[in-house]
Amino acid sequence: MNPGVSFLCFLLCITIVGCDRVYVHPFYLFDVGNLTGCKKVEDREQQVNNFVPVSNLSHISSAHEEGVRNKSEGRSHLRRELRDPIYIIGARFYEQLRKMHKEENILLSPTFSYESLLAFYIGASGETAKELQIFLGFDSSSVNPNCTYRIDGRKVFSVLSSIAKSPFHSKEDDQLFFAKFSWLFSAPEIRLSESFVNDLVFPNMNLFVRAVDFTNPTKAAEEMNAFVKGTHQSKSLLADIDPETNLLLATYTHFKVSVKGASLLKEPQEFWLSSHKTIPVPMMRITGTFQHKCDPSQNISSIKIPLSQDLFLLLLQPTNNSDLASVENQYSMKVLSNEWLVGLSPRQIQLTLPKVCLESTYDIQELLGKMPLSYLLGNKANLTRLSDNNITVGKVGSIFYAKAQALSIFHTETKSM
């Protein structure tokens, strides 16, 4: 394998997101109401019912969790309108991650990054809600510059949930697997809003709400990690907790996709890490007819590998002595990723891929600070729809784990905290 064959395994794509670009006013998703809408929003923000989570870190679901778990909403027809806002959030975060981790692999899910921010928007009020809403791509000033209309956060959350789960609905396809667990930990004195928690829960989703004493960060991390492992067999999620924290949201998302036809080569092959450095690594090979194009204007060769009806892997290979950095530079707010999919044609190809394990960690709080937008979730953030206490949000981080191997070519796990 030579530098010209080195590739960038760039995107795990869901086709419902990669639709044609059309302009739809963001408030098509919601009932904007009339000029009295501002007053109605103010009244709703004052009518919040709160509860105190159970402090026992048992693995038995509380009555409150069971009461909201079985709700159902169909939002499949609204997925396309979220495509651009999700893409822009992902591009902005990816740009910051590249600056912070120049020599490291980066794995990022724009959808789940967007979802984490949306969760806090649902609990936000006043100026914080306005700023988060604009950052999420919904600016109501074009409707009425003198009023900020709130979007329906639960409706958007349900759309994100359907986007993530849609490729995994078929029970007949054992090649695909998806599971998601969420844990909301708050300090013992914190009273949480019932409506906030309800808006985070959807069918087939596991949400656990518990109270934890954060004053001893080491002990708190041990207790929470033990609880997380008890509800789902995963690695330790939580570490380096700020003792000032009184709220922490942890999410574990697991994807597994198997591709038939991939086989492991008997001997390790040379893989180029750079133009002057190679290492021997286990390789796998797959042969078939794939959608392909070579774009000389962008110095990119694209190969689309179908994983299911709605899921595919896009491999981007630099050409004409170009490098991966030049390819990564094209993933920005200036060029939408679906342009890489235009003009593909079928071609018989033999692919040789490395068997790799990749892990990437990032903190959304840190990324917001680099923009700089740290005030969105900072100590002065207005989160009164989440709780009537003063909230100090801990890290809003994510850990991505990716594994590529024969007969199971792509395997990812996402952990947000």
Protein backbone atom coordinates (compact mmCIF):
# COMPACT_ATOMS: atom_id res chain seq x y z
CA MET A 1 0.00 0.00 0.00
CA ASN A 2 1.46 3.41 -0.99
CA PRO A 3 0.63 7.01 -0.08
CA GLY A 4 -1.62 7.34 -3.10
CA VAL A 5 -3.75 4.49 -1.80
CA SER A 6 -4.03 5.85 1.72
CA PHE A 7 -7.61 6.92 2.27
CA LEU A 8 -9.82 8.85 4.59
CA CYS A 9 -12.70 6.85 6.04
CA PHE A 10 -14.68 10.04 6.35
CA LEU A 11 -18.40 9.62 6.84
CA LEU A 12 -20.91 7.07 8.02
CA CYS A 13 -23.90 8.46 6.17
CA ILE A 14 -27.64 8.08 6.57
CA THR A 15 -29.32 8.73 3.27
CA ILE A 16 -32.35 10.47 4.75
CA VAL A 17 -30.03 13.27 5.87
CA GLY A 18 -28.21 13.50 2.55
CA CYS A 19 -31.22 14.74 0.63
CA ASP A 20 -31.31 17.45 -2.01
CA ARG A 21 -30.71 20.95 -0.66
CA VAL A 22 -33.96 22.90 -0.50
CA TYR A 23 -34.80 26.01 1.49
CA VAL A 24 -37.54 25.53 4.04
CA HIS A 25 -38.07 28.16 6.71
CA PRO A 26 -37.04 26.52 10.01
CA PHE A 27 -40.36 27.38 11.63
CA TYR A 28 -42.11 25.08 9.18
CA LEU A 29 -41.42 22.51 11.88
CA PHE A 30 -43.37 24.38 14.51
CA ASP A 31 -46.47 26.36 15.33
CA VAL A 32 -45.14 29.91 15.53
CA GLY A 33 -48.44 31.39 16.72
CA ASN A 34 -49.28 35.09 16.62
CA LEU A 35 -48.02 38.18 18.41
CA THR A 36 -49.39 36.89 21.72
CA GLY A 37 -46.94 33.99 21.48
CA CYS A 38 -44.29 35.79 23.56
CA LYS A 39 -46.69 36.21 26.46
CA LYS A 40 -47.72 32.56 26.21
CA VAL A 41 -44.07 31.47 26.34
CA GLU A 42 -43.48 33.58 29.45
CA ASP A 43 -46.51 32.06 31.16
CA ARG A 44 -45.40 28.51 30.32
CA GLU A 45 -41.92 29.14 31.71
CA GLN A 46 -43.45 30.12 35.05
CA GLN A 47 -45.55 26.93 35.22
CA VAL A 48 -42.91 24.27 35.86
CA ASN A 49 -43.43 21.17 38.01
CA ASN A 50 -40.27 19.87 39.68
CA PHE A 51 -39.20 16.61 41.32
CA VAL A 52 -36.14 15.36 43.20
CA PRO A 53 -34.45 12.27 41.63
CA VAL A 54 -33.98 9.21 43.81
CA SER A 55 -30.56 9.09 45.42
CA ASN A 56 -30.30 5.29 45.53
CA LEU A 57 -28.12 4.20 42.60
CA SER A 58 -30.10 1.00 42.14
CA HIS A 59 -30.72 -0.47 38.71
CA ILE A 60 -34.49 -0.55 39.19
CA SER A 61 -36.30 2.02 37.08
CA SER A 62 -38.18 4.66 39.03
CA ALA A 63 -41.90 5.19 38.53
CA HIS A 64 -41.14 8.54 36.90
CA GLU A 65 -38.86 6.93 34.31
CA GLU A 66 -41.40 4.22 33.46
CA GLY A 67 -44.19 6.79 33.20
CA VAL A 68 -42.53 8.71 30.38
CA ARG A 69 -40.74 5.88 28.58
CA ASN A 70 -43.66 4.66 26.48
CA LYS A 71 -44.56 7.90 24.72
CA SER A 72 -44.58 7.83 20.93
CA GLU A 73 -44.49 10.48 18.22
CA GLY A 74 -44.13 10.09 14.46
CA ARG A 75 -41.84 12.75 12.97
CA SER A 76 -40.32 11.02 9.95
CA HIS A 77 -41.67 13.66 7.55
CA LEU A 78 -39.65 16.39 9.29
CA ARG A 79 -36.16 14.87 9.00
CA ARG A 80 -35.03 16.71 5.90
CA GLU A 81 -35.58 20.16 7.38
CA LEU A 82 -32.93 19.45 10.04
CA ARG A 83 -30.25 18.49 7.54
CA ASP A 84 -28.56 21.89 7.18
CA PRO A 85 -28.62 22.88 10.90
CA ILE A 86 -27.10 19.52 11.87
CA TYR A 87 -24.47 19.77 9.14
CA ILE A 88 -23.40 23.29 10.15
CA ILE A 89 -23.04 22.35 13.84
CA GLY A 90 -20.95 19.32 12.83
CA ALA A 91 -18.76 21.37 10.48
CA ARG A 92 -18.09 24.02 13.12
CA PHE A 93 -17.17 21.44 15.75
CA TYR A 94 -15.04 19.48 13.29
CA GLU A 95 -13.11 22.62 12.37
CA GLN A 96 -12.28 23.24 16.04
CA LEU A 97 -11.32 19.61 16.64
CA ARG A 98 -8.88 19.72 13.71
CA LYS A 99 -7.17 22.75 15.25
CA MET A 100 -6.95 21.04 18.64
CA HIS A 101 -5.90 17.57 17.43
CA LYS A 102 -3.82 18.16 14.30
CA GLU A 103 -2.03 14.79 14.32
CA GLU A 104 -4.86 12.66 15.74
CA ASN A 105 -7.82 10.80 14.30
CA ILE A 106 -11.14 12.59 14.73
CA LEU A 107 -14.49 10.84 14.95
CA LEU A 108 -17.51 13.11 15.23
CA SER A 109 -21.27 12.64 15.01
CA PRO A 110 -22.96 15.91 14.00
CA THR A 111 -26.36 14.41 14.89
CA PHE A 112 -25.46 13.49 18.46
CA SER A 113 -23.54 16.74 19.01
CA TYR A 114 -26.67 18.60 17.92
CA GLU A 115 -28.79 16.43 20.19
CA SER A 116 -26.64 17.24 23.25
CA LEU A 117 -27.06 20.98 22.67
CA LEU A 118 -30.78 20.58 22.04
CA ALA A 119 -31.21 18.83 25.41
CA PHE A 120 -29.91 21.91 27.20
CA TYR A 121 -31.97 24.21 24.98
CA ILE A 122 -35.08 22.40 26.20
CA GLY A 123 -34.09 23.35 29.76
CA ALA A 124 -33.06 26.92 28.92
CA SER A 125 -34.95 30.18 29.37
CA GLY A 126 -34.58 33.84 28.47
CA GLU A 127 -31.44 35.00 26.69
CA THR A 128 -29.79 31.56 27.02
CA ALA A 129 -32.69 29.93 25.18
CA LYS A 130 -32.54 32.63 22.50
CA GLU A 131 -28.78 32.21 21.94
CA LEU A 132 -28.97 28.40 21.90
CA GLN A 133 -31.93 28.50 19.51
CA ILE A 134 -30.01 30.70 17.07
CA PHE A 135 -26.92 28.47 17.37
CA LEU A 136 -29.11 25.44 16.60
CA GLY A 137 -30.24 27.13 13.38
CA PHE A 138 -33.64 28.56 14.33
CA ASP A 139 -33.66 32.36 14.31
CA SER A 140 -37.16 33.70 14.99
CA SER A 141 -36.24 37.35 14.31
CA SER A 142 -37.47 37.01 10.73
CA VAL A 143 -40.91 36.14 12.11
CA ASN A 144 -41.04 38.98 14.63
CA PRO A 145 -37.87 40.94 15.55
CA ASN A 146 -39.45 41.99 18.85
CA CYS A 147 -40.15 38.47 20.05
CA THR A 148 -38.27 35.19 20.38
CA TYR A 149 -40.62 32.30 19.69
CA ARG A 150 -39.52 29.02 21.22
CA ILE A 151 -39.21 26.02 18.94
CA ASP A 152 -40.81 22.74 19.98
CA GLY A 153 -37.74 21.06 21.44
CA ARG A 154 -39.41 17.70 21.94
CA LYS A 155 -40.54 17.63 18.32
CA VAL A 156 -36.98 18.28 17.13
CA PHE A 157 -35.63 15.71 19.61
CA SER A 158 -38.01 13.10 18.19
CA VAL A 159 -36.77 13.85 14.66
CA LEU A 160 -33.15 13.36 15.77
CA SER A 161 -34.12 10.09 17.43
CA SER A 162 -35.78 8.83 14.25
CA ILE A 163 -32.75 9.83 12.16
CA ALA A 164 -30.45 7.78 14.38
CA LYS A 165 -32.72 4.74 14.56
CA SER A 166 -34.22 4.61 11.07
CA PRO A 167 -31.51 2.41 9.48
CA PHE A 168 -31.89 -0.14 12.29
CA HIS A 169 -35.64 -0.74 12.22
CA SER A 170 -35.52 -3.92 10.14
CA LYS A 171 -35.59 -6.96 12.41
CA GLU A 172 -34.64 -9.20 9.50
CA ASP A 173 -31.21 -7.61 9.01
CA ASP A 174 -28.91 -8.96 11.70
CA GLN A 175 -25.99 -6.98 10.26
CA LEU A 176 -27.20 -3.78 11.94
CA PHE A 177 -27.42 -3.02 15.63
CA PHE A 178 -28.28 0.15 17.54
CA ALA A 179 -28.73 0.84 21.25
CA LYS A 180 -28.75 3.98 23.33
CA PHE A 181 -28.66 4.57 27.08
CA SER A 182 -28.77 7.91 28.89
CA TRP A 183 -28.03 8.81 32.50
CA LEU A 184 -28.94 12.16 34.05
CA PHE A 185 -27.09 12.72 37.32
CA SER A 186 -27.87 15.71 39.55
CA ALA A 187 -26.78 16.84 43.02
CA PRO A 188 -29.10 15.75 45.89
CA GLU A 189 -30.45 19.27 46.40
CA ILE A 190 -31.38 19.79 42.73
CA ARG A 191 -35.07 19.71 41.79
CA LEU A 192 -35.50 18.80 38.12
CA SER A 193 -38.33 19.88 35.86
CA GLU A 194 -40.69 17.04 34.98
CA SER A 195 -41.33 18.44 31.51
CA PHE A 196 -37.58 18.67 30.82
CA VAL A 197 -37.05 14.99 31.63
CA ASN A 198 -40.19 13.98 29.74
CA ASP A 199 -38.95 15.73 26.60
CA LEU A 200 -35.78 13.61 26.58
CA VAL A 201 -37.60 10.27 26.59
CA PHE A 202 -38.81 8.32 23.56
CA PRO A 203 -39.90 4.73 22.84
CA ASN A 204 -37.17 2.10 23.12
CA MET A 205 -34.90 4.63 24.81
CA ASN A 206 -33.45 4.01 28.25
CA LEU A 207 -33.16 7.05 30.52
CA PHE A 208 -32.04 6.80 34.15
CA VAL A 209 -32.31 9.82 36.46
CA ARG A 210 -30.37 9.70 39.73
CA ALA A 211 -29.03 12.03 42.43
CA VAL A 212 -25.29 11.94 43.18
CA ASP A 213 -23.10 13.86 45.63
CA PHE A 214 -20.50 15.65 43.47
CA THR A 215 -18.56 17.21 46.37
CA ASN A 216 -16.18 14.23 46.32
CA PRO A 217 -15.46 13.96 42.56
CA THR A 218 -13.49 10.70 42.80
CA LYS A 219 -16.17 8.91 44.81
CA ALA A 220 -18.94 10.36 42.62
CA ALA A 221 -17.20 9.10 39.47
CA GLU A 222 -16.80 5.62 40.98
CA GLU A 223 -20.48 5.46 41.97
CA MET A 224 -21.73 6.71 38.61
CA ASN A 225 -19.45 4.42 36.60
CA ALA A 226 -20.60 1.44 38.68
CA PHE A 227 -24.22 2.41 38.02
CA VAL A 228 -23.57 2.86 34.29
CA LYS A 229 -21.90 -0.56 34.07
CA GLY A 230 -24.82 -2.09 35.95
CA THR A 231 -27.40 -0.76 33.50
CA HIS A 232 -25.28 -1.45 30.42
CA GLN A 233 -22.04 -3.35 29.99
CA SER A 234 -19.82 -0.47 28.90
CA LYS A 235 -16.50 1.04 29.80
CA SER A 236 -16.13 3.75 32.45
CA LEU A 237 -17.62 6.95 31.07
CA LEU A 238 -17.01 9.53 33.75
CA ALA A 239 -13.77 11.08 35.00
CA ASP A 240 -12.23 14.46 35.88
CA ILE A 241 -15.45 15.79 37.39
CA ASP A 242 -15.44 19.38 38.62
CA PRO A 243 -16.56 19.47 42.31
CA GLU A 244 -18.69 22.54 41.45
CA THR A 245 -20.76 20.42 39.07
CA ASN A 246 -24.36 19.73 40.09
CA LEU A 247 -25.69 18.28 36.83
CA LEU A 248 -24.21 15.76 34.40
CA LEU A 249 -25.78 14.09 31.38
CA ALA A 250 -24.12 10.90 30.11
CA THR A 251 -25.14 9.10 26.93
CA TYR A 252 -23.92 5.79 25.57
CA THR A 253 -24.71 5.08 21.92
CA HIS A 254 -23.64 1.84 20.28
CA PHE A 255 -23.59 1.13 16.54
CA LYS A 256 -22.53 -2.08 14.93
CA VAL A 257 -22.56 -2.69 11.19
CA SER A 258 -21.29 -5.85 9.50
CA VAL A 259 -20.41 -6.04 5.81
CA LYS A 260 -20.53 -9.41 4.14
CA GLY A 261 -17.70 -10.38 1.84
CA ALA A 262 -14.77 -8.81 3.71
CA SER A 263 -11.94 -11.23 4.51
CA LEU A 264 -8.81 -10.85 6.61
CA LEU A 265 -5.49 -11.15 4.76
CA LYS A 266 -3.07 -13.75 6.10
CA GLU A 267 -0.08 -11.43 6.50
CA PRO A 268 0.17 -7.82 7.75
CA GLN A 269 0.65 -5.25 5.00
CA GLU A 270 2.45 -1.91 4.97
CA PHE A 271 0.21 1.06 5.71
CA TRP A 272 1.40 4.61 5.15
CA LEU A 273 0.87 6.91 8.14
CA SER A 274 2.52 9.75 6.24
CA SER A 275 4.59 10.28 3.09
CA HIS A 276 7.68 8.97 4.89
CA LYS A 277 6.43 6.52 7.52
CA THR A 278 4.83 3.07 7.23
CA ILE A 279 3.82 0.39 9.72
CA PRO A 280 2.73 -3.24 9.18
CA VAL A 281 -0.94 -3.71 10.04
CA PRO A 282 -3.57 -6.44 9.58
CA MET A 283 -5.53 -5.85 6.39
CA MET A 284 -8.90 -6.97 5.09
CA ARG A 285 -10.12 -7.15 1.51
CA ILE A 286 -13.50 -6.82 -0.15
CA THR A 287 -14.30 -7.03 -3.87
CA GLY A 288 -17.47 -5.84 -5.54
CA THR A 289 -19.23 -3.24 -7.66
CA PHE A 290 -19.28 0.09 -5.86
CA GLN A 291 -20.37 3.61 -6.74
CA HIS A 292 -17.21 5.58 -7.55
CA LYS A 293 -15.93 8.83 -9.04
CA CYS A 294 -12.61 10.62 -9.43
CA ASP A 295 -12.91 14.40 -9.23
CA PRO A 296 -9.74 16.08 -10.59
CA SER A 297 -11.00 19.54 -9.61
CA GLN A 298 -11.02 18.56 -5.94
CA ASN A 299 -8.25 15.93 -6.14
CA ILE A 300 -10.53 13.36 -4.53
CA SER A 301 -11.55 9.83 -5.40
CA SER A 302 -14.84 8.79 -3.75
CA ILE A 303 -16.07 5.25 -3.11
CA LYS A 304 -19.51 4.56 -1.65
CA ILE A 305 -19.87 1.23 0.19
CA PRO A 306 -23.51 0.32 0.96
CA LEU A 307 -24.05 -1.17 4.41
CA SER A 308 -27.86 -1.30 4.31
CA GLN A 309 -30.73 0.39 2.50
CA ASP A 310 -30.22 3.65 4.41
CA LEU A 311 -26.62 3.38 5.58
CA PHE A 312 -23.35 3.61 3.68
CA LEU A 313 -19.66 4.21 4.22
CA LEU A 314 -17.96 6.89 2.13
CA LEU A 315 -14.22 6.52 1.51
CA LEU A 316 -12.35 9.59 0.27
CA GLN A 317 -8.89 9.07 -1.25
CA PRO A 318 -6.59 12.00 -2.16
CA THR A 319 -5.32 11.98 -5.75
CA ASN A 320 -2.66 13.83 -7.77
CA ASN A 321 -0.14 13.77 -4.90
CA SER A 322 -2.61 15.53 -2.64
CA ASP A 323 -2.85 14.70 1.07
CA LEU A 324 -5.56 14.01 3.63
CA ALA A 325 -5.42 17.57 4.95
CA SER A 326 -6.59 18.88 1.59
CA VAL A 327 -9.56 16.52 1.75
CA GLU A 328 -10.40 17.47 5.32
CA ASN A 329 -10.30 21.14 4.39
CA GLN A 330 -13.24 20.53 2.08
CA TYR A 331 -15.42 19.36 4.97
CA SER A 332 -16.61 22.79 6.03
CA MET A 333 -19.65 25.03 5.98
CA LYS A 334 -18.66 26.09 2.46
CA VAL A 335 -19.04 22.67 0.82
CA LEU A 336 -21.85 20.32 1.77
CA SER A 337 -20.75 16.72 2.00
CA ASN A 338 -23.46 15.48 -0.39
CA GLU A 339 -21.52 17.11 -3.25
CA TRP A 340 -19.05 14.24 -2.93
CA LEU A 341 -21.92 11.91 -3.89
CA VAL A 342 -22.87 13.68 -7.11
CA GLY A 343 -21.80 11.96 -10.33
CA LEU A 344 -20.97 8.54 -8.88
CA SER A 345 -21.04 5.59 -11.29
CA PRO A 346 -20.72 1.81 -10.75
CA ARG A 347 -17.28 0.27 -10.99
CA GLN A 348 -15.73 -3.11 -10.14
CA ILE A 349 -13.26 -2.44 -7.32
CA GLN A 350 -11.06 -4.50 -5.01
CA LEU A 351 -10.63 -2.65 -1.71
CA THR A 352 -7.89 -3.37 0.80
CA LEU A 353 -8.55 -1.72 4.15
CA PRO A 354 -6.63 -1.74 7.43
CA LYS A 355 -8.10 -3.49 10.43
CA VAL A 356 -8.10 -0.58 12.86
CA CYS A 357 -9.39 0.61 16.20
CA LEU A 358 -9.87 4.36 16.60
CA GLU A 359 -10.94 6.46 19.58
CA SER A 360 -11.67 10.16 19.73
CA THR A 361 -12.64 12.24 22.76
CA TYR A 362 -14.04 15.75 22.80
CA ASP A 363 -15.84 18.08 25.18
CA ILE A 364 -18.60 20.24 23.73
CA GLN A 365 -18.07 22.77 26.51
CA GLU A 366 -14.45 23.13 25.38
CA LEU A 367 -15.45 23.43 21.72
CA LEU A 368 -17.95 26.17 22.55
CA GLY A 369 -15.21 27.99 24.45
CA LYS A 370 -12.94 27.93 21.39
CA MET A 371 -15.57 29.60 19.18
CA PRO A 372 -15.98 31.49 21.67
CA LEU A 373 -19.46 30.58 22.94
CA SER A 374 -18.71 29.26 26.42
CA TYR A 375 -21.50 31.40 27.87
CA LEU A 376 -24.12 29.15 26.26
CA LEU A 377 -23.64 26.49 28.95
CA GLY A 378 -21.55 28.49 31.43
CA ASN A 379 -22.25 29.30 35.06
CA LYS A 380 -24.44 32.25 34.09
CA ALA A 381 -26.62 30.24 31.70
CA ASN A 382 -30.34 30.51 32.43
CA LEU A 383 -31.58 26.91 32.79
CA THR A 384 -34.74 27.57 34.80
CA ARG A 385 -36.83 25.27 32.61
CA LEU A 386 -34.47 22.49 33.68
CA SER A 387 -34.51 23.30 37.40
CA ASP A 388 -35.41 26.11 39.80
CA ASN A 389 -31.95 25.70 41.35
CA ASN A 390 -28.78 27.34 40.05
CA ILE A 391 -27.29 24.78 37.66
CA THR A 392 -23.58 24.22 37.04
CA VAL A 393 -23.27 21.91 34.05
CA GLY A 394 -20.32 19.51 34.00
CA LYS A 395 -18.53 18.38 30.87
CA VAL A 396 -20.67 17.81 27.80
CA GLY A 397 -18.21 15.42 26.25
CA SER A 398 -18.20 12.52 23.82
CA ILE A 399 -16.05 9.45 23.41
CA PHE A 400 -16.16 7.72 20.02
CA TYR A 401 -14.77 4.24 19.55
CA ALA A 402 -14.50 2.83 16.03
CA LYS A 403 -13.38 -0.63 14.96
CA ALA A 404 -12.99 -1.96 11.43
CA GLN A 405 -12.54 -5.68 10.87
CA ALA A 406 -13.36 -8.44 8.42
CA LEU A 407 -17.04 -9.42 8.39
CA SER A 408 -17.69 -6.51 10.74
CA ILE A 409 -16.19 -3.66 8.79
CA PHE A 410 -17.48 -0.79 10.88
CA HIS A 411 -18.24 -0.79 14.56
CA THR A 412 -18.75 2.41 16.54
CA GLU A 413 -19.61 3.31 20.07
CA THR A 414 -20.52 6.81 21.21
CA LYS A 415 -20.37 7.99 24.79
CA SER A 416 -21.42 11.49 25.77
CA MET A 417 -21.10 12.92 29.23
